[in-house]
Amino acid sequence: MPAVANPLPDMQRSHIEGNLPPQTVFDAYLTRDITTYFSQAMHSDQVSVEYKMLRNGPTQSGVAYPKYYLTVKVLDKGIQRQIGAVRVAAIDQVRFEITHVVACSATNKSTDALAMVFPAALIDGITAFCGEN
């Protein structure tokens, strides 16, 4: 009996391609959507964000939206208000949805909050980031 090819990698690739914004607008969309999220959460129109990707590319599980993992610093009126890690989903090539935010203060005593959201390979990087900030 011949081996059956696994169609999942092709489906995953097409799902990534169908949801990631073009590189020319990727950072602008990501910054816009993270800023909007925290502006609404903080009830402020003077929020800015600084972020760093924890992986160079998306993480794709099955046919779910592609996910990105970031560390963020959130400033309100230029004053740092929150730092932590964020998981975002790329949707329909036009936006990112923040699915989870874990503040560094939640990781001070335990990494359990991180382990529920972030891949194990990223947790050391997140805790290092939190320890530096």
N, C-alpha and C. Protein backbone atom coordinates (compact mmCIF):
# COMPACT_ATOMS: atom_id res chain seq x y z
N MET A 1 0.85 -1.18 0.00
CA MET A 1 0.00 0.00 0.00
C MET A 1 0.89 1.24 0.00
N PRO A 2 0.71 2.20 -0.93
CA PRO A 2 1.55 3.40 -0.99
C PRO A 2 1.28 4.32 0.20
N ALA A 3 2.31 5.03 0.60
CA ALA A 3 2.18 5.99 1.69
C ALA A 3 1.27 7.13 1.25
N VAL A 4 0.46 7.61 2.15
CA VAL A 4 -0.44 8.73 1.87
C VAL A 4 0.25 10.01 2.33
N ALA A 5 0.33 10.97 1.43
CA ALA A 5 0.95 12.25 1.76
C ALA A 5 0.08 13.00 2.76
N ASN A 6 0.73 13.69 3.65
CA ASN A 6 0.03 14.49 4.64
C ASN A 6 -0.32 15.84 4.01
N PRO A 7 -1.61 16.16 3.83
CA PRO A 7 -1.98 17.43 3.21
C PRO A 7 -1.88 18.62 4.16
N LEU A 8 -1.66 18.38 5.45
CA LEU A 8 -1.66 19.46 6.43
C LEU A 8 -0.60 20.53 6.15
N PRO A 9 0.65 20.20 5.82
CA PRO A 9 1.62 21.28 5.56
C PRO A 9 1.17 22.23 4.45
N ASP A 10 0.58 21.71 3.37
CA ASP A 10 0.10 22.57 2.30
C ASP A 10 -1.06 23.44 2.78
N MET A 11 -1.95 22.87 3.58
CA MET A 11 -3.07 23.63 4.13
C MET A 11 -2.56 24.72 5.07
N GLN A 12 -1.58 24.38 5.90
CA GLN A 12 -1.01 25.36 6.82
C GLN A 12 -0.37 26.51 6.05
N ARG A 13 0.42 26.16 5.03
CA ARG A 13 1.09 27.19 4.23
C ARG A 13 0.07 28.11 3.57
N SER A 14 -0.99 27.54 3.00
CA SER A 14 -1.99 28.38 2.34
C SER A 14 -2.74 29.24 3.37
N HIS A 15 -2.92 28.72 4.58
CA HIS A 15 -3.59 29.50 5.61
C HIS A 15 -2.69 30.65 6.07
N ILE A 16 -1.40 30.41 6.17
CA ILE A 16 -0.47 31.49 6.50
C ILE A 16 -0.52 32.55 5.42
N GLU A 17 -0.37 32.14 4.18
CA GLU A 17 -0.36 33.09 3.06
C GLU A 17 -1.67 33.86 2.97
N GLY A 18 -2.78 33.24 3.30
CA GLY A 18 -4.07 33.90 3.22
C GLY A 18 -4.36 34.86 4.36
N ASN A 19 -3.53 34.84 5.41
CA ASN A 19 -3.79 35.69 6.56
C ASN A 19 -2.71 36.72 6.87
N LEU A 20 -1.48 36.48 6.46
CA LEU A 20 -0.42 37.44 6.76
C LEU A 20 -0.53 38.65 5.85
N PRO A 21 -0.41 39.85 6.43
CA PRO A 21 -0.38 41.04 5.58
C PRO A 21 0.91 41.07 4.77
N PRO A 22 0.93 41.78 3.65
CA PRO A 22 2.17 41.92 2.89
C PRO A 22 3.28 42.54 3.75
N GLN A 23 4.52 42.15 3.49
CA GLN A 23 5.66 42.67 4.27
C GLN A 23 5.71 44.19 4.27
N THR A 24 5.26 44.82 3.21
CA THR A 24 5.34 46.28 3.11
C THR A 24 4.48 46.99 4.14
N VAL A 25 3.46 46.31 4.67
CA VAL A 25 2.58 46.93 5.67
C VAL A 25 2.53 46.15 6.98
N PHE A 26 3.28 45.06 7.07
CA PHE A 26 3.23 44.18 8.23
C PHE A 26 3.46 44.96 9.53
N ASP A 27 4.58 45.67 9.64
CA ASP A 27 4.89 46.39 10.88
C ASP A 27 3.89 47.48 11.18
N ALA A 28 3.44 48.18 10.14
CA ALA A 28 2.46 49.25 10.35
C ALA A 28 1.15 48.69 10.90
N TYR A 29 0.68 47.58 10.34
CA TYR A 29 -0.56 46.97 10.83
C TYR A 29 -0.39 46.44 12.24
N LEU A 30 0.74 45.80 12.50
CA LEU A 30 0.96 45.24 13.83
C LEU A 30 1.04 46.35 14.87
N THR A 31 1.79 47.40 14.58
CA THR A 31 1.88 48.53 15.51
C THR A 31 0.51 49.16 15.72
N ARG A 32 -0.23 49.36 14.64
CA ARG A 32 -1.57 49.96 14.73
C ARG A 32 -2.47 49.15 15.65
N ASP A 33 -2.49 47.83 15.45
CA ASP A 33 -3.44 47.00 16.18
C ASP A 33 -3.04 46.79 17.64
N ILE A 34 -1.75 46.70 17.91
CA ILE A 34 -1.31 46.60 19.31
C ILE A 34 -1.59 47.93 20.03
N THR A 35 -1.30 49.03 19.36
CA THR A 35 -1.55 50.35 19.96
C THR A 35 -3.03 50.55 20.23
N THR A 36 -3.87 50.17 19.28
CA THR A 36 -5.32 50.29 19.48
C THR A 36 -5.78 49.46 20.66
N TYR A 37 -5.30 48.24 20.75
CA TYR A 37 -5.68 47.35 21.85
C TYR A 37 -5.36 48.00 23.21
N PHE A 38 -4.12 48.46 23.37
CA PHE A 38 -3.73 49.03 24.66
C PHE A 38 -4.35 50.40 24.89
N SER A 39 -4.59 51.17 23.85
CA SER A 39 -5.28 52.46 24.00
C SER A 39 -6.67 52.24 24.58
N GLN A 40 -7.37 51.25 24.06
CA GLN A 40 -8.71 50.95 24.58
C GLN A 40 -8.64 50.39 26.00
N ALA A 41 -7.68 49.52 26.24
CA ALA A 41 -7.55 48.93 27.58
C ALA A 41 -7.19 49.97 28.63
N MET A 42 -6.41 50.98 28.23
CA MET A 42 -5.96 52.00 29.17
C MET A 42 -6.81 53.27 29.12
N HIS A 43 -7.79 53.28 28.24
CA HIS A 43 -8.66 54.45 28.07
C HIS A 43 -7.84 55.72 27.83
N SER A 44 -6.91 55.62 26.90
CA SER A 44 -6.03 56.74 26.60
C SER A 44 -5.78 56.80 25.10
N ASP A 45 -5.68 58.02 24.59
CA ASP A 45 -5.36 58.18 23.17
C ASP A 45 -3.90 58.59 22.98
N GLN A 46 -3.12 58.46 24.03
CA GLN A 46 -1.71 58.83 23.95
C GLN A 46 -0.79 57.64 24.23
N VAL A 47 -1.22 56.48 23.79
CA VAL A 47 -0.46 55.25 24.01
C VAL A 47 0.46 55.00 22.83
N SER A 48 1.65 54.56 23.13
CA SER A 48 2.57 54.08 22.10
C SER A 48 3.13 52.75 22.58
N VAL A 49 3.58 51.94 21.64
CA VAL A 49 4.10 50.62 21.98
C VAL A 49 5.45 50.41 21.32
N GLU A 50 6.25 49.62 22.01
CA GLU A 50 7.51 49.12 21.46
C GLU A 50 7.41 47.61 21.56
N TYR A 51 7.71 46.91 20.48
CA TYR A 51 7.62 45.46 20.54
C TYR A 51 8.82 44.82 19.87
N LYS A 52 9.02 43.56 20.24
CA LYS A 52 10.08 42.76 19.64
C LYS A 52 9.51 41.35 19.43
N MET A 53 9.71 40.84 18.23
CA MET A 53 9.27 39.49 17.91
C MET A 53 10.12 38.48 18.67
N LEU A 54 9.47 37.45 19.20
CA LEU A 54 10.19 36.38 19.88
C LEU A 54 10.59 35.27 18.91
N ARG A 55 9.95 35.24 17.75
CA ARG A 55 10.29 34.33 16.65
C ARG A 55 10.25 35.14 15.37
N ASN A 56 11.05 34.73 14.39
CA ASN A 56 11.09 35.47 13.13
C ASN A 56 9.88 35.24 12.25
N GLY A 57 9.20 34.14 12.42
CA GLY A 57 8.06 33.84 11.56
C GLY A 57 6.85 33.45 12.37
N PRO A 58 5.75 33.18 11.69
CA PRO A 58 4.53 32.79 12.40
C PRO A 58 4.59 31.36 12.89
N THR A 59 3.77 31.07 13.88
CA THR A 59 3.56 29.72 14.35
C THR A 59 2.19 29.31 13.84
N GLN A 60 2.15 28.18 13.18
CA GLN A 60 0.90 27.72 12.58
C GLN A 60 0.53 26.35 13.14
N SER A 61 -0.65 26.25 13.73
CA SER A 61 -1.16 24.97 14.21
C SER A 61 -2.43 24.66 13.43
N GLY A 62 -2.38 23.57 12.68
CA GLY A 62 -3.56 23.19 11.90
C GLY A 62 -3.97 24.30 10.97
N VAL A 63 -5.25 24.65 11.02
CA VAL A 63 -5.75 25.72 10.16
C VAL A 63 -6.21 26.93 10.97
N ALA A 64 -5.69 27.07 12.18
CA ALA A 64 -5.97 28.25 12.99
C ALA A 64 -5.24 29.45 12.36
N TYR A 65 -5.59 30.65 12.80
CA TYR A 65 -4.88 31.82 12.31
C TYR A 65 -3.42 31.73 12.72
N PRO A 66 -2.50 32.20 11.87
CA PRO A 66 -1.08 32.20 12.23
C PRO A 66 -0.84 33.11 13.44
N LYS A 67 -0.02 32.65 14.35
CA LYS A 67 0.25 33.40 15.58
C LYS A 67 1.68 33.95 15.60
N TYR A 68 1.83 35.10 16.23
CA TYR A 68 3.12 35.70 16.50
C TYR A 68 3.22 35.94 17.99
N TYR A 69 4.44 35.84 18.50
CA TYR A 69 4.71 36.03 19.92
C TYR A 69 5.67 37.19 20.06
N LEU A 70 5.34 38.13 20.95
CA LEU A 70 6.10 39.37 21.09
C LEU A 70 6.33 39.72 22.55
N THR A 71 7.37 40.50 22.78
CA THR A 71 7.48 41.21 24.05
C THR A 71 7.07 42.65 23.74
N VAL A 72 6.44 43.29 24.72
CA VAL A 72 5.97 44.67 24.49
C VAL A 72 6.27 45.55 25.69
N LYS A 73 6.50 46.81 25.35
CA LYS A 73 6.52 47.88 26.35
C LYS A 73 5.43 48.85 25.92
N VAL A 74 4.57 49.19 26.85
CA VAL A 74 3.46 50.09 26.56
C VAL A 74 3.68 51.39 27.32
N LEU A 75 3.67 52.47 26.59
CA LEU A 75 3.87 53.79 27.18
C LEU A 75 2.60 54.60 27.03
N ASP A 76 2.28 55.36 28.06
CA ASP A 76 1.15 56.28 28.01
C ASP A 76 1.70 57.66 28.35
N LYS A 77 1.57 58.57 27.41
CA LYS A 77 2.13 59.92 27.55
C LYS A 77 3.62 59.85 27.81
N GLY A 78 4.28 58.87 27.20
CA GLY A 78 5.72 58.72 27.31
C GLY A 78 6.21 58.00 28.55
N ILE A 79 5.30 57.62 29.43
CA ILE A 79 5.67 56.93 30.67
C ILE A 79 5.34 55.45 30.52
N GLN A 80 6.31 54.60 30.83
CA GLN A 80 6.09 53.16 30.72
C GLN A 80 5.03 52.72 31.71
N ARG A 81 3.98 52.07 31.18
CA ARG A 81 2.87 51.64 32.02
C ARG A 81 2.75 50.14 32.14
N GLN A 82 3.19 49.42 31.11
CA GLN A 82 3.06 47.96 31.15
C GLN A 82 4.15 47.34 30.30
N ILE A 83 4.64 46.21 30.76
CA ILE A 83 5.56 45.40 29.98
C ILE A 83 5.10 43.95 30.09
N GLY A 84 5.37 43.20 29.05
CA GLY A 84 4.97 41.81 29.11
C GLY A 84 5.11 41.13 27.77
N ALA A 85 4.39 40.04 27.63
CA ALA A 85 4.42 39.25 26.41
C ALA A 85 3.01 39.19 25.83
N VAL A 86 2.96 39.15 24.50
CA VAL A 86 1.69 39.21 23.80
C VAL A 86 1.67 38.13 22.72
N ARG A 87 0.52 37.51 22.54
CA ARG A 87 0.30 36.62 21.41
C ARG A 87 -0.73 37.29 20.51
N VAL A 88 -0.42 37.37 19.22
CA VAL A 88 -1.34 37.97 18.26
C VAL A 88 -1.60 36.98 17.13
N ALA A 89 -2.77 37.11 16.52
CA ALA A 89 -3.14 36.30 15.37
C ALA A 89 -3.27 37.22 14.16
N ALA A 90 -2.68 36.80 13.04
CA ALA A 90 -2.82 37.53 11.78
C ALA A 90 -4.13 37.08 11.13
N ILE A 91 -4.94 38.06 10.71
CA ILE A 91 -6.27 37.74 10.19
C ILE A 91 -6.52 38.44 8.86
N ASP A 92 -6.82 37.65 7.85
CA ASP A 92 -7.30 38.12 6.54
C ASP A 92 -6.40 39.15 5.86
N GLN A 93 -5.13 39.16 6.17
CA GLN A 93 -4.14 40.06 5.57
C GLN A 93 -4.36 41.53 5.89
N VAL A 94 -5.28 41.84 6.80
CA VAL A 94 -5.58 43.25 7.07
C VAL A 94 -5.49 43.65 8.53
N ARG A 95 -5.35 42.66 9.43
CA ARG A 95 -5.30 43.05 10.84
C ARG A 95 -4.68 41.95 11.70
N PHE A 96 -4.32 42.37 12.92
CA PHE A 96 -3.84 41.45 13.95
C PHE A 96 -4.78 41.55 15.13
N GLU A 97 -5.08 40.42 15.71
CA GLU A 97 -5.91 40.39 16.91
C GLU A 97 -5.06 39.92 18.07
N ILE A 98 -5.08 40.70 19.14
CA ILE A 98 -4.35 40.32 20.34
C ILE A 98 -5.18 39.25 21.05
N THR A 99 -4.61 38.06 21.19
CA THR A 99 -5.35 36.97 21.81
C THR A 99 -5.02 36.81 23.29
N HIS A 100 -3.79 37.15 23.67
CA HIS A 100 -3.37 37.02 25.06
C HIS A 100 -2.31 38.08 25.39
N VAL A 101 -2.40 38.58 26.61
CA VAL A 101 -1.39 39.48 27.17
C VAL A 101 -1.03 38.93 28.53
N VAL A 102 0.25 38.75 28.77
CA VAL A 102 0.72 38.32 30.09
C VAL A 102 1.72 39.37 30.57
N ALA A 103 1.33 40.12 31.59
CA ALA A 103 2.19 41.16 32.14
C ALA A 103 3.38 40.53 32.85
N CYS A 104 4.50 41.22 32.80
CA CYS A 104 5.69 40.72 33.49
C CYS A 104 5.42 40.53 34.98
N SER A 105 4.58 41.37 35.55
CA SER A 105 4.28 41.23 36.98
C SER A 105 3.63 39.88 37.29
N ALA A 106 2.95 39.28 36.31
CA ALA A 106 2.32 37.97 36.52
C ALA A 106 3.33 36.83 36.44
N THR A 107 4.53 37.13 35.95
CA THR A 107 5.54 36.07 35.81
C THR A 107 6.58 36.12 36.91
N ASN A 108 6.51 37.09 37.80
CA ASN A 108 7.53 37.25 38.84
C ASN A 108 7.64 36.04 39.76
N LYS A 109 6.52 35.43 40.11
CA LYS A 109 6.54 34.31 41.05
C LYS A 109 6.53 32.96 40.36
N SER A 110 5.97 32.92 39.14
CA SER A 110 5.82 31.65 38.45
C SER A 110 5.68 31.88 36.95
N THR A 111 6.14 30.93 36.19
CA THR A 111 5.98 31.02 34.74
C THR A 111 4.73 30.28 34.26
N ASP A 112 3.88 29.86 35.18
CA ASP A 112 2.67 29.12 34.81
C ASP A 112 1.78 29.91 33.86
N ALA A 113 1.65 31.21 34.08
CA ALA A 113 0.80 32.04 33.21
C ALA A 113 1.36 32.05 31.80
N LEU A 114 2.67 32.04 31.67
CA LEU A 114 3.30 32.00 30.35
C LEU A 114 3.11 30.65 29.69
N ALA A 115 3.27 29.60 30.45
CA ALA A 115 3.22 28.24 29.91
C ALA A 115 1.85 27.91 29.33
N MET A 116 0.82 28.58 29.79
CA MET A 116 -0.52 28.32 29.27
C MET A 116 -0.74 28.93 27.89
N VAL A 117 0.10 29.89 27.50
CA VAL A 117 -0.11 30.64 26.25
C VAL A 117 1.04 30.50 25.27
N PHE A 118 2.25 30.48 25.77
CA PHE A 118 3.43 30.57 24.93
C PHE A 118 4.15 29.24 24.80
N PRO A 119 4.75 28.98 23.65
CA PRO A 119 5.53 27.75 23.49
C PRO A 119 6.68 27.71 24.51
N ALA A 120 6.97 26.52 24.99
CA ALA A 120 8.02 26.36 26.01
C ALA A 120 9.34 26.96 25.58
N ALA A 121 9.67 26.89 24.30
CA ALA A 121 10.95 27.41 23.81
C ALA A 121 11.07 28.93 23.96
N LEU A 122 9.96 29.63 24.19
CA LEU A 122 9.99 31.10 24.30
C LEU A 122 9.99 31.61 25.73
N ILE A 123 9.70 30.75 26.66
CA ILE A 123 9.51 31.21 28.04
C ILE A 123 10.78 31.80 28.65
N ASP A 124 11.93 31.20 28.42
CA ASP A 124 13.18 31.77 28.95
C ASP A 124 13.43 33.16 28.41
N GLY A 125 13.15 33.38 27.14
CA GLY A 125 13.33 34.70 26.55
C GLY A 125 12.40 35.73 27.15
N ILE A 126 11.17 35.32 27.44
CA ILE A 126 10.21 36.24 28.04
C ILE A 126 10.63 36.58 29.46
N THR A 127 11.02 35.58 30.23
CA THR A 127 11.42 35.86 31.63
C THR A 127 12.69 36.71 31.67
N ALA A 128 13.59 36.52 30.72
CA ALA A 128 14.79 37.36 30.65
C ALA A 128 14.40 38.80 30.35
N PHE A 129 13.49 38.99 29.38
CA PHE A 129 13.00 40.32 29.04
C PHE A 129 12.37 40.97 30.26
N CYS A 130 11.53 40.22 30.97
CA CYS A 130 10.86 40.77 32.15
C CYS A 130 11.87 41.12 33.25
N GLY A 131 12.89 40.31 33.40
CA GLY A 131 13.91 40.58 34.41
C GLY A 131 14.75 41.81 34.12
N GLU A 132 14.87 42.15 32.84
CA GLU A 132 15.66 43.32 32.43
C GLU A 132 14.88 44.61 32.50
N ASN A 133 13.56 44.52 32.59
CA ASN A 133 12.72 45.73 32.50
C ASN A 133 11.95 45.99 33.76
